[in-house]
C-alpha atoms as a PDB file:
ATOM      1  CA  MET A   1     -21.899 -13.079  16.136  1.00  0.00           C
ATOM      2  CA  ARG A   2     -19.997 -12.420  19.713  1.00  0.00           C
ATOM      3  CA  GLY A   3     -16.756 -12.775  17.840  1.00  0.00           C
ATOM      4  CA  ILE A   4     -17.209 -10.645  15.658  1.00  0.00           C
ATOM      5  CA  ALA A   5     -18.494  -8.152  17.970  1.00  0.00           C
ATOM      6  CA  ILE A   6     -15.581  -9.276  20.442  1.00  0.00           C
ATOM      7  CA  ALA A   7     -13.560  -8.703  17.197  1.00  0.00           C
ATOM      8  CA  ALA A   8     -14.882  -5.068  16.343  1.00  0.00           C
ATOM      9  CA  ALA A   9     -13.900  -4.495  20.232  1.00  0.00           C
ATOM     10  CA  ALA A  10     -10.649  -5.843  19.970  1.00  0.00           C
ATOM     11  CA  LEU A  11      -9.995  -4.088  17.103  1.00  0.00           C
ATOM     12  CA  ALA A  12     -10.138  -0.487  18.562  1.00  0.00           C
ATOM     13  CA  PHE A  13      -7.955  -0.944  20.731  1.00  0.00           C
ATOM     14  CA  THR A  14      -4.751  -1.943  18.234  1.00  0.00           C
ATOM     15  CA  ALA A  15      -2.578   0.918  17.820  1.00  0.00           C
ATOM     16  CA  SER A  16       1.175   1.899  18.556  1.00  0.00           C
ATOM     17  CA  ALA A  17       2.622   5.051  19.520  1.00  0.00           C
ATOM     18  CA  ALA A  18       4.690   5.790  16.369  1.00  0.00           C
ATOM     19  CA  PHE A  19       1.561   5.920  15.194  1.00  0.00           C
ATOM     20  CA  ALA A  20      -0.433   8.861  17.052  1.00  0.00           C
ATOM     21  CA  ASP A  21      -1.878  10.518  14.309  1.00  0.00           C
ATOM     22  CA  ASP A  22      -3.373   7.281  12.827  1.00  0.00           C
ATOM     23  CA  ILE A  23      -3.954   5.378  15.934  1.00  0.00           C
ATOM     24  CA  MET A  24      -4.961   2.572  13.061  1.00  0.00           C
ATOM     25  CA  ALA A  25      -1.837   2.397  10.873  1.00  0.00           C
ATOM     26  CA  SER A  26      -0.565  -0.844  12.678  1.00  0.00           C
ATOM     27  CA  ARG A  27      -3.735  -2.733  11.317  1.00  0.00           C
ATOM     28  CA  TYR A  28      -2.996  -1.909   8.350  1.00  0.00           C
ATOM     29  CA  GLY A  29      -0.817  -4.977   6.803  1.00  0.00           C
ATOM     30  CA  ASN A  30      -1.375  -7.283   9.636  1.00  0.00           C
ATOM     31  CA  THR A  31      -4.504  -8.821  11.250  1.00  0.00           C
ATOM     32  CA  VAL A  32      -6.476  -9.032  14.546  1.00  0.00           C
ATOM     33  CA  ILE A  33      -7.011 -12.269  15.554  1.00  0.00           C
ATOM     34  CA  ALA A  34     -10.312 -12.561  18.114  1.00  0.00           C
ATOM     35  CA  THR A  35     -11.174 -15.091  20.228  1.00  0.00           C
ATOM     36  CA  ASP A  36     -14.975 -15.719  21.944  1.00  0.00           C
ATOM     37  CA  PRO A  37     -15.513 -17.914  24.822  1.00  0.00           C
ATOM     38  CA  SER A  38     -16.607 -21.110  22.536  1.00  0.00           C
ATOM     39  CA  GLY A  39     -12.857 -20.563  20.561  1.00  0.00           C
ATOM     40  CA  VAL A  40     -14.268 -19.879  17.488  1.00  0.00           C
ATOM     41  CA  LYS A  41     -11.442 -16.979  15.380  1.00  0.00           C
ATOM     42  CA  THR A  42     -12.820 -13.982  13.445  1.00  0.00           C
ATOM     43  CA  LYS A  43      -9.866 -12.201  11.993  1.00  0.00           C
ATOM     44  CA  ILE A  44     -10.386  -8.921  10.817  1.00  0.00           C
ATOM     45  CA  TYR A  45      -8.095  -6.456   8.451  1.00  0.00           C
ATOM     46  CA  TYR A  46      -7.695  -2.901   7.901  1.00  0.00           C
ATOM     47  CA  LYS A  47      -6.777  -1.150   4.934  1.00  0.00           C
ATOM     48  CA  ALA A  48      -5.745   2.797   4.943  1.00  0.00           C
ATOM     49  CA  GLY A  49      -8.693   3.905   2.475  1.00  0.00           C
ATOM     50  CA  GLY A  50     -11.623   2.888   5.294  1.00  0.00           C
ATOM     51  CA  THR A  51     -12.146  -0.556   3.901  1.00  0.00           C
ATOM     52  CA  PHE A  52     -11.986  -3.827   6.221  1.00  0.00           C
ATOM     53  CA  THR A  53     -12.544  -7.071   4.961  1.00  0.00           C
ATOM     54  CA  GLY A  54     -12.119 -10.505   7.273  1.00  0.00           C
ATOM     55  CA  ALA A  55     -14.225 -14.160   8.979  1.00  0.00           C
ATOM     56  CA  THR A  56     -15.284 -15.079  11.381  1.00  0.00           C
ATOM     57  CA  GLY A  57     -15.920 -19.544  11.400  1.00  0.00           C
ATOM     58  CA  THR A  58     -17.161 -20.051   7.310  1.00  0.00           C
ATOM     59  CA  THR A  59     -18.318 -16.694   6.872  1.00  0.00           C
ATOM     60  CA  ASN A  60     -16.465 -13.764   5.366  1.00  0.00           C
ATOM     61  CA  PHE A  61     -17.753 -10.270   5.885  1.00  0.00           C
ATOM     62  CA  THR A  62     -16.679  -6.486   4.489  1.00  0.00           C
ATOM     63  CA  GLY A  63     -17.403  -2.822   5.367  1.00  0.00           C
ATOM     64  CA  THR A  64     -16.231   0.454   6.552  1.00  0.00           C
ATOM     65  CA  TRP A  65     -14.543   1.695   8.767  1.00  0.00           C
ATOM     66  CA  LYS A  66     -14.198   5.428  10.577  1.00  0.00           C
ATOM     67  CA  LEU A  67     -13.431   6.935  13.940  1.00  0.00           C
ATOM     68  CA  ASP A  68     -15.888   9.522  15.130  1.00  0.00           C
ATOM     69  CA  ALA A  69     -15.159  12.872  16.640  1.00  0.00           C
ATOM     70  CA  SER A  70     -14.676  10.971  20.600  1.00  0.00           C
ATOM     71  CA  ASN A  71     -12.127   8.541  18.794  1.00  0.00           C
ATOM     72  CA  ASN A  72     -14.547   6.151  18.510  1.00  0.00           C
ATOM     73  CA  LEU A  73     -13.818   2.758  15.657  1.00  0.00           C
ATOM     74  CA  CYS A  74     -17.028   2.433  13.923  1.00  0.00           C
ATOM     75  CA  LEU A  75     -17.011  -0.248  11.844  1.00  0.00           C
ATOM     76  CA  THR A  76     -20.579  -0.680   9.069  1.00  0.00           C
ATOM     77  CA  PHE A  77     -20.473  -4.326   7.141  1.00  0.00           C
ATOM     78  CA  ALA A  78     -21.712  -4.067   3.701  1.00  0.00           C
ATOM     79  CA  ALA A  79     -23.915  -7.404   4.712  1.00  0.00           C
ATOM     80  CA  PRO A  80     -24.151  -7.886   8.629  1.00  0.00           C
ATOM     81  CA  PRO A  81     -22.964 -10.891  10.036  1.00  0.00           C
ATOM     82  CA  PRO A  82     -25.278 -12.657  12.203  1.00  0.00           C
ATOM     83  CA  GLY A  83     -24.801 -10.831  15.704  1.00  0.00           C
ATOM     84  CA  ALA A  84     -23.314  -8.449  13.997  1.00  0.00           C
ATOM     85  CA  THR A  85     -24.916  -4.204  14.324  1.00  0.00           C
ATOM     86  CA  ASN A  86     -24.569  -1.599  12.066  1.00  0.00           C
ATOM     87  CA  PRO A  87     -22.739   0.331  12.843  1.00  0.00           C
ATOM     88  CA  THR A  88     -20.646  -1.564  15.717  1.00  0.00           C
ATOM     89  CA  CYS A  89     -19.047   1.211  17.454  1.00  0.00           C
ATOM     90  CA  VAL A  90     -16.094   0.833  20.249  1.00  0.00           C
ATOM     91  CA  PRO A  91     -13.749   3.314  21.535  1.00  0.00           C
ATOM     92  CA  ALA A  92     -10.181   3.277  20.044  1.00  0.00           C
ATOM     93  CA  ALA A  93      -6.589   3.115  22.407  1.00  0.00           C
ATOM     94  CA  ALA A  94      -3.181   1.952  21.295  1.00  0.00           C
ATOM     95  CA  HIS A  95      -1.695  -1.108  20.678  1.00  0.00           C
ATOM     96  CA  LYS A  96       0.961  -2.635  19.109  1.00  0.00           C
ATOM     97  CA  VAL A  97       1.825  -5.998  16.831  1.00  0.00           C
ATOM     98  CA  GLY A  98       3.067  -8.370  19.264  1.00  0.00           C
ATOM     99  CA  ASP A  99       0.572  -7.217  21.466  1.00  0.00           C
ATOM    100  CA  THR A 100      -2.539  -9.709  22.898  1.00  0.00           C
ATOM    101  CA  TRP A 101      -5.283  -7.650  25.378  1.00  0.00           C
ATOM    102  CA  ALA A 102      -9.315  -8.125  26.293  1.00  0.00           C
ATOM    103  CA  GLY A 103      -8.372 -11.252  28.514  1.00  0.00           C
ATOM    104  CA  GLY A 104      -6.273 -13.074  26.180  1.00  0.00           C
ATOM    105  CA  THR A 105      -8.938 -13.503  23.851  1.00  0.00           C
ATOM    106  CA  VAL A 106      -7.295 -11.004  21.138  1.00  0.00           C
ATOM    107  CA  THR A 107      -4.117 -10.609  19.433  1.00  0.00           C
ATOM    108  CA  LEU A 108      -2.466  -8.159  16.760  1.00  0.00           C
ATOM    109  CA  VAL A 109      -0.332 -10.351  14.593  1.00  0.00           C
ATOM    110  CA  ALA A 110       2.076  -9.178  12.096  1.00  0.00           C
ATOM    111  CA  GLY A 111       0.913  -9.983   8.187  1.00  0.00           C
ATOM    112  CA  ILE A 112      -2.369 -10.931   7.009  1.00  0.00           C
ATOM    113  CA  GLN A 113      -2.853 -14.281   9.066  1.00  0.00           C
END
């Protein structure tokens, strides 16, 4: 699903400068919401232990995440949803709660939404 790919890419850009040593820290306990061009929302929730859960439309997914040596965020789905590849890797960059990016299609919101 395109929404998952957008969310995965977008999630890689979500970290606070306050957590420079762990660019994933701003994601823990928060929600990344990506909206694809057709309006389908994908939500992903990251945990500090290297796991994630999420949903796009009515499809739930789980998996593991890691940062590689080049600072790419790589998501490996337990069972890839339609349209997702295993692993899905995207460059990681810093953002903070409240930021919206990727042309306004991705937002990091406070708390579990």
